[in-house]
C-alpha atoms as a PDB file:
ATOM      1  CA  UNK A   1      11.347 -10.366  -0.073  1.00  0.00           C
ATOM      2  CA  UNK A   2      10.231  -8.205   2.615  1.00  0.00           C
ATOM      3  CA  UNK A   3       7.097  -5.897   2.993  1.00  0.00           C
ATOM      4  CA  UNK A   4       7.425  -2.256   4.091  1.00  0.00           C
ATOM      5  CA  UNK A   5       4.097  -1.317   5.653  1.00  0.00           C
ATOM      6  CA  UNK A   6       3.435   2.343   6.227  1.00  0.00           C
ATOM      7  CA  UNK A   7       1.362   2.670   9.356  1.00  0.00           C
ATOM      8  CA  UNK A   8       2.359   5.906  11.173  1.00  0.00           C
ATOM      9  CA  UNK A   9      -0.316   8.433  10.068  1.00  0.00           C
ATOM     10  CA  UNK A  10      -2.968  10.061  12.206  1.00  0.00           C
ATOM     11  CA  UNK A  11      -5.909   9.354   9.762  1.00  0.00           C
ATOM     12  CA  UNK A  12      -7.377  12.645  10.677  1.00  0.00           C
ATOM     13  CA  UNK A  13     -10.227  12.267   8.044  1.00  0.00           C
ATOM     14  CA  UNK A  14     -11.591   9.323   9.988  1.00  0.00           C
ATOM     15  CA  UNK A  15     -11.985  11.076  13.224  1.00  0.00           C
ATOM     16  CA  UNK A  16     -13.488  10.184  15.803  1.00  0.00           C
ATOM     17  CA  UNK A  17     -12.534   6.588  14.858  1.00  0.00           C
ATOM     18  CA  UNK A  18      -8.856   7.380  14.887  1.00  0.00           C
ATOM     19  CA  UNK A  19      -8.828   9.597  17.930  1.00  0.00           C
ATOM     20  CA  UNK A  20      -8.001   6.646  20.181  1.00  0.00           C
ATOM     21  CA  UNK A  21      -7.363   3.816  17.751  1.00  0.00           C
ATOM     22  CA  UNK A  22      -4.539   3.555  15.062  1.00  0.00           C
ATOM     23  CA  UNK A  23      -5.975   3.720  11.507  1.00  0.00           C
ATOM     24  CA  UNK A  24      -4.413   0.516  10.514  1.00  0.00           C
ATOM     25  CA  UNK A  25      -6.049  -1.131  13.650  1.00  0.00           C
ATOM     26  CA  UNK A  26      -9.673  -0.168  12.639  1.00  0.00           C
ATOM     27  CA  UNK A  27     -11.652  -3.331  12.470  1.00  0.00           C
ATOM     28  CA  UNK A  28     -13.385  -4.681   9.461  1.00  0.00           C
ATOM     29  CA  UNK A  29     -15.343  -7.921  10.112  1.00  0.00           C
ATOM     30  CA  UNK A  30     -14.014  -8.030  13.672  1.00  0.00           C
ATOM     31  CA  UNK A  31     -10.373  -8.028  12.567  1.00  0.00           C
ATOM     32  CA  UNK A  32      -7.901  -5.073  12.508  1.00  0.00           C
ATOM     33  CA  UNK A  33      -6.622  -4.145   8.968  1.00  0.00           C
ATOM     34  CA  UNK A  34      -3.121  -4.898  10.011  1.00  0.00           C
ATOM     35  CA  UNK A  35      -3.943  -8.236  11.110  1.00  0.00           C
ATOM     36  CA  UNK A  36      -5.309  -8.965   7.781  1.00  0.00           C
ATOM     37  CA  UNK A  37      -2.215  -7.666   6.107  1.00  0.00           C
ATOM     38  CA  UNK A  38       0.043  -9.863   8.143  1.00  0.00           C
ATOM     39  CA  UNK A  39      -2.037 -12.937   7.669  1.00  0.00           C
ATOM     40  CA  UNK A  40      -2.005 -12.504   3.859  1.00  0.00           C
ATOM     41  CA  UNK A  41       1.645 -11.835   3.680  1.00  0.00           C
ATOM     42  CA  UNK A  42       2.312 -15.042   5.829  1.00  0.00           C
ATOM     43  CA  UNK A  43      -0.171 -17.164   3.795  1.00  0.00           C
ATOM     44  CA  UNK A  44       1.840 -16.087   0.595  1.00  0.00           C
ATOM     45  CA  UNK A  45       5.177 -16.893   1.984  1.00  0.00           C
ATOM     46  CA  UNK A  46       6.630 -13.241   2.769  1.00  0.00           C
ATOM     47  CA  UNK A  47       9.105 -14.041   5.560  1.00  0.00           C
ATOM     48  CA  UNK A  48       9.476 -10.443   6.948  1.00  0.00           C
ATOM     49  CA  UNK A  49       7.678  -7.266   7.362  1.00  0.00           C
ATOM     50  CA  UNK A  50       8.873  -3.792   8.576  1.00  0.00           C
ATOM     51  CA  UNK A  51       6.353  -1.360   9.942  1.00  0.00           C
ATOM     52  CA  UNK A  52       7.009   2.284  10.124  1.00  0.00           C
ATOM     53  CA  UNK A  53       4.910   3.465  12.957  1.00  0.00           C
ATOM     54  CA  UNK A  54       4.234   6.826  14.644  1.00  0.00           C
ATOM     55  CA  UNK A  55       0.637   7.752  15.831  1.00  0.00           C
ATOM     56  CA  UNK A  56      -0.330   5.359  18.688  1.00  0.00           C
ATOM     57  CA  UNK A  57       2.636   3.182  18.033  1.00  0.00           C
ATOM     58  CA  UNK A  58       1.989   1.071  21.317  1.00  0.00           C
ATOM     59  CA  UNK A  59      -1.227   0.059  19.915  1.00  0.00           C
ATOM     60  CA  UNK A  60       0.720  -1.334  16.692  1.00  0.00           C
ATOM     61  CA  UNK A  61       3.339  -2.990  18.795  1.00  0.00           C
ATOM     62  CA  UNK A  62       0.676  -4.805  20.695  1.00  0.00           C
ATOM     63  CA  UNK A  63      -0.933  -6.181  17.609  1.00  0.00           C
ATOM     64  CA  UNK A  64       2.153  -7.145  16.101  1.00  0.00           C
ATOM     65  CA  UNK A  65       2.821  -9.535  19.051  1.00  0.00           C
ATOM     66  CA  UNK A  66      -0.218 -11.471  17.665  1.00  0.00           C
ATOM     67  CA  UNK A  67       1.230 -11.819  14.122  1.00  0.00           C
ATOM     68  CA  UNK A  68       1.593 -15.357  12.461  1.00  0.00           C
ATOM     69  CA  UNK A  69       4.686 -17.171  13.566  1.00  0.00           C
ATOM     70  CA  UNK A  70       5.873 -17.493  10.213  1.00  0.00           C
ATOM     71  CA  UNK A  71       6.462 -13.854   9.506  1.00  0.00           C
ATOM     72  CA  UNK A  72       9.079 -11.562  11.357  1.00  0.00           C
ATOM     73  CA  UNK A  73       7.886  -8.097  12.012  1.00  0.00           C
ATOM     74  CA  UNK A  74      10.091  -5.201  13.020  1.00  0.00           C
ATOM     75  CA  UNK A  75       9.126  -1.759  13.883  1.00  0.00           C
ATOM     76  CA  UNK A  76      10.694   1.668  12.807  1.00  0.00           C
ATOM     77  CA  UNK A  77       9.409   4.836  14.478  1.00  0.00           C
ATOM     78  CA  UNK A  78       8.647   7.966  12.556  1.00  0.00           C
ATOM     79  CA  UNK A  79       8.639  10.566  15.233  1.00  0.00           C
ATOM     80  CA  UNK A  80       7.513  13.172  12.835  1.00  0.00           C
ATOM     81  CA  UNK A  81       4.624  11.161  11.540  1.00  0.00           C
ATOM     82  CA  UNK A  82       2.358  14.110  10.836  1.00  0.00           C
ATOM     83  CA  UNK A  83       4.587  14.970   7.877  1.00  0.00           C
ATOM     84  CA  UNK A  84       3.335  12.158   5.618  1.00  0.00           C
ATOM     85  CA  UNK A  85       4.349   9.018   3.817  1.00  0.00           C
ATOM     86  CA  UNK A  86       7.564  10.115   2.122  1.00  0.00           C
ATOM     87  CA  UNK A  87       9.317  10.673   5.314  1.00  0.00           C
ATOM     88  CA  UNK A  88       8.020   7.204   6.629  1.00  0.00           C
ATOM     89  CA  UNK A  89       9.156   5.328   3.613  1.00  0.00           C
ATOM     90  CA  UNK A  90      12.645   7.203   3.699  1.00  0.00           C
ATOM     91  CA  UNK A  91      13.165   6.098   7.430  1.00  0.00           C
ATOM     92  CA  UNK A  92      12.803   2.521   5.962  1.00  0.00           C
ATOM     93  CA  UNK A  93      15.549   2.835   3.442  1.00  0.00           C
ATOM     94  CA  UNK A  94      18.039   0.713   5.128  1.00  0.00           C
ATOM     95  CA  UNK A  95      15.774  -2.243   4.237  1.00  0.00           C
ATOM     96  CA  UNK A  96      15.989  -1.657   0.544  1.00  0.00           C
ATOM     97  CA  UNK A  97      18.682  -4.235   0.231  1.00  0.00           C
ATOM     98  CA  UNK A  98      16.253  -6.937  -0.971  1.00  0.00           C
ATOM     99  CA  UNK A  99      13.180  -7.227  -3.110  1.00  0.00           C
ATOM    100  CA  UNK A 100      10.530  -5.097  -1.400  1.00  0.00           C
ATOM    101  CA  UNK A 101       6.753  -4.812  -1.221  1.00  0.00           C
ATOM    102  CA  UNK A 102       5.578  -1.233  -0.333  1.00  0.00           C
ATOM    103  CA  UNK A 103       2.163  -1.354   1.365  1.00  0.00           C
ATOM    104  CA  UNK A 104      -0.196   1.283   2.753  1.00  0.00           C
ATOM    105  CA  UNK A 105      -1.707  -0.004   5.939  1.00  0.00           C
ATOM    106  CA  UNK A 106      -5.154   1.356   5.268  1.00  0.00           C
ATOM    107  CA  UNK A 107      -6.180  -0.816   2.273  1.00  0.00           C
ATOM    108  CA  UNK A 108      -8.522  -3.832   2.592  1.00  0.00           C
ATOM    109  CA  UNK A 109      -7.785  -6.274  -0.150  1.00  0.00           C
ATOM    110  CA  UNK A 110      -8.096 -10.107  -0.854  1.00  0.00           C
ATOM    111  CA  UNK A 111      -5.274 -12.622  -1.004  1.00  0.00           C
ATOM    112  CA  UNK A 112      -5.809 -13.008  -4.741  1.00  0.00           C
ATOM    113  CA  UNK A 113      -4.700  -9.333  -5.384  1.00  0.00           C
ATOM    114  CA  UNK A 114      -1.334  -9.607  -3.728  1.00  0.00           C
ATOM    115  CA  UNK A 115      -0.852 -13.165  -5.237  1.00  0.00           C
ATOM    116  CA  UNK A 116      -1.330 -11.652  -8.510  1.00  0.00           C
ATOM    117  CA  UNK A 117       1.131  -8.775  -8.191  1.00  0.00           C
ATOM    118  CA  UNK A 118       3.722 -11.277  -6.776  1.00  0.00           C
ATOM    119  CA  UNK A 119       3.126 -13.575  -9.799  1.00  0.00           C
ATOM    120  CA  UNK A 120       3.957 -10.609 -12.328  1.00  0.00           C
ATOM    121  CA  UNK A 121       6.855 -11.446 -14.771  1.00  0.00           C
ATOM    122  CA  UNK A 122       8.067  -7.829 -14.408  1.00  0.00           C
ATOM    123  CA  UNK A 123      10.839  -7.440 -11.856  1.00  0.00           C
ATOM    124  CA  UNK A 124       9.091  -4.198 -10.867  1.00  0.00           C
ATOM    125  CA  UNK A 125       5.313  -3.827 -10.943  1.00  0.00           C
ATOM    126  CA  UNK A 126       2.501  -1.901  -9.436  1.00  0.00           C
ATOM    127  CA  UNK A 127      -1.159  -2.956  -8.810  1.00  0.00           C
ATOM    128  CA  UNK A 128      -3.658  -1.000 -10.752  1.00  0.00           C
ATOM    129  CA  UNK A 129      -7.482  -0.950 -10.730  1.00  0.00           C
ATOM    130  CA  UNK A 130      -8.372  -0.238 -14.531  1.00  0.00           C
ATOM    131  CA  UNK A 131     -12.156  -0.076 -13.607  1.00  0.00           C
ATOM    132  CA  UNK A 132     -11.729   2.817 -11.174  1.00  0.00           C
ATOM    133  CA  UNK A 133     -14.001   5.969 -11.120  1.00  0.00           C
ATOM    134  CA  UNK A 134     -12.048   9.264 -11.286  1.00  0.00           C
ATOM    135  CA  UNK A 135     -13.193  11.664  -8.540  1.00  0.00           C
ATOM    136  CA  UNK A 136      -9.727  13.454  -8.605  1.00  0.00           C
ATOM    137  CA  UNK A 137      -8.523  11.932  -5.351  1.00  0.00           C
ATOM    138  CA  UNK A 138      -7.105   8.720  -6.611  1.00  0.00           C
ATOM    139  CA  UNK A 139      -3.341   8.394  -7.514  1.00  0.00           C
ATOM    140  CA  UNK A 140      -3.535   7.522 -11.213  1.00  0.00           C
ATOM    141  CA  UNK A 141      -0.945   5.460 -13.244  1.00  0.00           C
ATOM    142  CA  UNK A 142      -0.191   6.459 -16.929  1.00  0.00           C
ATOM    143  CA  UNK A 143       1.606   4.251 -19.042  1.00  0.00           C
ATOM    144  CA  UNK A 144       3.292   4.256 -22.298  1.00  0.00           C
ATOM    145  CA  UNK A 145       4.095   1.174 -24.259  1.00  0.00           C
ATOM    146  CA  UNK A 146       2.944  -0.869 -21.223  1.00  0.00           C
ATOM    147  CA  UNK A 147       5.302   0.908 -18.673  1.00  0.00           C
ATOM    148  CA  UNK A 148       4.610   3.435 -16.053  1.00  0.00           C
ATOM    149  CA  UNK A 149       5.617   6.854 -16.767  1.00  0.00           C
ATOM    150  CA  UNK A 150       3.460   8.747 -14.347  1.00  0.00           C
ATOM    151  CA  UNK A 151       1.752   8.381 -10.882  1.00  0.00           C
ATOM    152  CA  UNK A 152      -0.199  11.378  -9.638  1.00  0.00           C
ATOM    153  CA  UNK A 153      -3.578  12.634  -8.650  1.00  0.00           C
ATOM    154  CA  UNK A 154      -3.670  15.062 -11.501  1.00  0.00           C
ATOM    155  CA  UNK A 155      -2.524  13.963 -15.113  1.00  0.00           C
ATOM    156  CA  UNK A 156      -2.596  16.261 -18.140  1.00  0.00           C
ATOM    157  CA  UNK A 157      -5.537  16.278 -20.486  1.00  0.00           C
ATOM    158  CA  UNK A 158      -3.356  14.518 -23.219  1.00  0.00           C
ATOM    159  CA  UNK A 159      -2.883  11.380 -21.055  1.00  0.00           C
ATOM    160  CA  UNK A 160      -5.256   8.526 -20.384  1.00  0.00           C
ATOM    161  CA  UNK A 161      -4.651   6.748 -16.964  1.00  0.00           C
ATOM    162  CA  UNK A 162      -4.288   3.049 -17.007  1.00  0.00           C
ATOM    163  CA  UNK A 163      -6.162   2.946 -13.780  1.00  0.00           C
ATOM    164  CA  UNK A 164      -5.816   3.786  -9.990  1.00  0.00           C
ATOM    165  CA  UNK A 165      -2.676   2.663  -7.997  1.00  0.00           C
ATOM    166  CA  UNK A 166      -3.780   0.374  -5.238  1.00  0.00           C
ATOM    167  CA  UNK A 167      -0.762   1.263  -3.077  1.00  0.00           C
ATOM    168  CA  UNK A 168       1.403  -1.844  -3.620  1.00  0.00           C
ATOM    169  CA  UNK A 169       4.611  -1.279  -5.616  1.00  0.00           C
ATOM    170  CA  UNK A 170       6.743  -4.350  -5.686  1.00  0.00           C
ATOM    171  CA  UNK A 171      10.384  -3.624  -6.586  1.00  0.00           C
ATOM    172  CA  UNK A 172      13.606  -5.642  -7.276  1.00  0.00           C
ATOM    173  CA  UNK A 173      16.407  -4.974  -5.020  1.00  0.00           C
ATOM    174  CA  UNK A 174      18.098  -3.006  -7.755  1.00  0.00           C
ATOM    175  CA  UNK A 175      15.086  -0.779  -8.232  1.00  0.00           C
ATOM    176  CA  UNK A 176      14.817  -0.363  -4.500  1.00  0.00           C
ATOM    177  CA  UNK A 177      18.431   0.891  -4.400  1.00  0.00           C
ATOM    178  CA  UNK A 178      17.503   3.551  -6.996  1.00  0.00           C
ATOM    179  CA  UNK A 179      14.454   4.454  -4.837  1.00  0.00           C
ATOM    180  CA  UNK A 180      16.600   4.867  -1.869  1.00  0.00           C
ATOM    181  CA  UNK A 181      18.724   7.527  -3.762  1.00  0.00           C
ATOM    182  CA  UNK A 182      15.504   9.268  -4.974  1.00  0.00           C
ATOM    183  CA  UNK A 183      14.117   9.286  -1.371  1.00  0.00           C
ATOM    184  CA  UNK A 184      17.436  10.759  -0.140  1.00  0.00           C
ATOM    185  CA  UNK A 185      17.333  13.633  -2.678  1.00  0.00           C
ATOM    186  CA  UNK A 186      13.669  14.311  -1.979  1.00  0.00           C
ATOM    187  CA  UNK A 187      13.959  14.490   1.808  1.00  0.00           C
ATOM    188  CA  UNK A 188      17.195  16.516   1.841  1.00  0.00           C
ATOM    189  CA  UNK A 189      15.395  19.115  -0.686  1.00  0.00           C
ATOM    190  CA  UNK A 190      12.656  19.458   2.042  1.00  0.00           C
ATOM    191  CA  UNK A 191      10.040  17.381   0.267  1.00  0.00           C
ATOM    192  CA  UNK A 192       9.650  15.033   3.156  1.00  0.00           C
ATOM    193  CA  UNK A 193       5.929  15.968   3.573  1.00  0.00           C
ATOM    194  CA  UNK A 194       4.956  14.838   0.070  1.00  0.00           C
ATOM    195  CA  UNK A 195       3.055  11.728  -0.779  1.00  0.00           C
ATOM    196  CA  UNK A 196       5.559   8.799  -1.406  1.00  0.00           C
ATOM    197  CA  UNK A 197       3.855   8.302  -4.795  1.00  0.00           C
ATOM    198  CA  UNK A 198       5.915  11.144  -5.822  1.00  0.00           C
ATOM    199  CA  UNK A 199       9.032   9.022  -5.320  1.00  0.00           C
ATOM    200  CA  UNK A 200       7.485   6.180  -7.386  1.00  0.00           C
ATOM    201  CA  UNK A 201       6.942   8.601 -10.175  1.00  0.00           C
ATOM    202  CA  UNK A 202      10.533   9.636 -10.181  1.00  0.00           C
ATOM    203  CA  UNK A 203      11.502   5.939 -10.003  1.00  0.00           C
ATOM    204  CA  UNK A 204       9.431   5.151 -13.120  1.00  0.00           C
ATOM    205  CA  UNK A 205      11.833   7.573 -15.016  1.00  0.00           C
ATOM    206  CA  UNK A 206      14.836   5.412 -13.871  1.00  0.00           C
ATOM    207  CA  UNK A 207      13.430   1.842 -14.096  1.00  0.00           C
ATOM    208  CA  UNK A 208      10.810  -0.139 -16.011  1.00  0.00           C
ATOM    209  CA  UNK A 209       7.741  -0.523 -13.810  1.00  0.00           C
ATOM    210  CA  UNK A 210       4.952  -2.766 -15.161  1.00  0.00           C
ATOM    211  CA  UNK A 211       1.303  -2.899 -14.133  1.00  0.00           C
ATOM    212  CA  UNK A 212      -0.808  -5.683 -12.882  1.00  0.00           C
ATOM    213  CA  UNK A 213      -4.486  -5.219 -13.380  1.00  0.00           C
ATOM    214  CA  UNK A 214      -6.704  -5.949 -10.363  1.00  0.00           C
ATOM    215  CA  UNK A 215      -9.804  -4.030 -11.330  1.00  0.00           C
ATOM    216  CA  UNK A 216     -12.031  -7.195 -11.147  1.00  0.00           C
ATOM    217  CA  UNK A 217     -11.013  -7.730  -7.564  1.00  0.00           C
ATOM    218  CA  UNK A 218     -12.747  -6.138  -4.571  1.00  0.00           C
ATOM    219  CA  UNK A 219     -10.506  -3.766  -2.575  1.00  0.00           C
ATOM    220  CA  UNK A 220     -10.645  -0.196  -1.013  1.00  0.00           C
ATOM    221  CA  UNK A 221      -8.311   2.310   0.597  1.00  0.00           C
ATOM    222  CA  UNK A 222      -9.851   3.640   3.723  1.00  0.00           C
ATOM    223  CA  UNK A 223      -9.567   7.124   4.087  1.00  0.00           C
ATOM    224  CA  UNK A 224     -12.987   8.583   5.286  1.00  0.00           C
ATOM    225  CA  UNK A 225     -16.034   7.323   7.097  1.00  0.00           C
ATOM    226  CA  UNK A 226     -17.949   6.358   3.832  1.00  0.00           C
ATOM    227  CA  UNK A 227     -14.853   4.087   2.868  1.00  0.00           C
ATOM    228  CA  UNK A 228     -15.018   2.336   6.311  1.00  0.00           C
ATOM    229  CA  UNK A 229     -18.731   1.668   5.993  1.00  0.00           C
ATOM    230  CA  UNK A 230     -18.289   0.318   2.479  1.00  0.00           C
ATOM    231  CA  UNK A 231     -15.412  -1.812   3.610  1.00  0.00           C
ATOM    232  CA  UNK A 232     -17.386  -3.507   6.051  1.00  0.00           C
ATOM    233  CA  UNK A 233     -20.687  -3.677   4.448  1.00  0.00           C
ATOM    234  CA  UNK A 234     -19.912  -4.435   0.896  1.00  0.00           C
ATOM    235  CA  UNK A 235     -16.034  -5.152   0.213  1.00  0.00           C
ATOM    236  CA  UNK A 236     -15.457  -7.668   2.921  1.00  0.00           C
ATOM    237  CA  UNK A 237     -18.412  -9.974   1.986  1.00  0.00           C
ATOM    238  CA  UNK A 238     -16.962 -10.065  -1.599  1.00  0.00           C
ATOM    239  CA  UNK A 239     -13.550 -10.724  -0.242  1.00  0.00           C
ATOM    240  CA  UNK A 240     -14.843 -13.561   1.782  1.00  0.00           C
ATOM    241  CA  UNK A 241     -16.649 -15.254  -1.034  1.00  0.00           C
ATOM    242  CA  UNK A 242     -13.356 -15.086  -3.110  1.00  0.00           C
ATOM    243  CA  UNK A 243     -11.499 -16.667  -0.309  1.00  0.00           C
ATOM    244  CA  UNK A 244     -14.012 -19.435  -0.229  1.00  0.00           C
ATOM    245  CA  UNK A 245     -13.617 -20.081  -3.923  1.00  0.00           C
ATOM    246  CA  UNK A 246     -16.855 -18.597  -5.004  1.00  0.00           C
ATOM    247  CA  UNK A 247     -17.216 -16.327  -8.096  1.00  0.00           C
ATOM    248  CA  UNK A 248     -18.357 -12.827  -7.597  1.00  0.00           C
ATOM    249  CA  UNK A 249     -20.276 -12.792 -10.909  1.00  0.00           C
ATOM    250  CA  UNK A 250     -22.305 -15.667  -9.488  1.00  0.00           C
ATOM    251  CA  UNK A 251     -23.291 -13.802  -6.341  1.00  0.00           C
END
């Protein structure tokens, strides 16, 4: 298995923090988000990570040099990084020849969240927060008979979302190959500026994708200033308690 980490974007909604610092290198608890990603991957035995970089790519390369020795990290450059995550994921398509774990680089999460996803009996699975609050900004997952049928920010009135997608699809090599074809079609049709979740939605039509509920765990996607503050003041202390073996309910 290899992780594909999308770390190319500008993160304009976090300006001025991201004017001179790549979004994935923003520090939470004195440690860059990307370093936290790589340390968790190494701790769980993932041997390889592919980073798609763009904005301030030299900073990311410098951080990668500090990665744990047990994980090999390669960089792929997205020279058109302002277009969005779809193009970044497409550029990594040659690495879809094994099981893949697709990760957004701007998520703060505990090791238990990823461990739970990796332990899922389903060959293809996505981490879902079933306790989310719907503000209209979240990528929501809709299921039928336990399988994903939709991933979108807007879901019709007749559908009840299973939860919010954390941003960590885990795919078998066979499903990853199907995803490669979907990405080729989307990019060739000029949809390379879309969110890559559109490709995951199309993939769910082709292959069964299960869900792993993680709503009882602390995590946050960091998109705006309020997210960064909450990550530092609220989410990180909860993660640290989990890592120490403490119960969040007892805190």
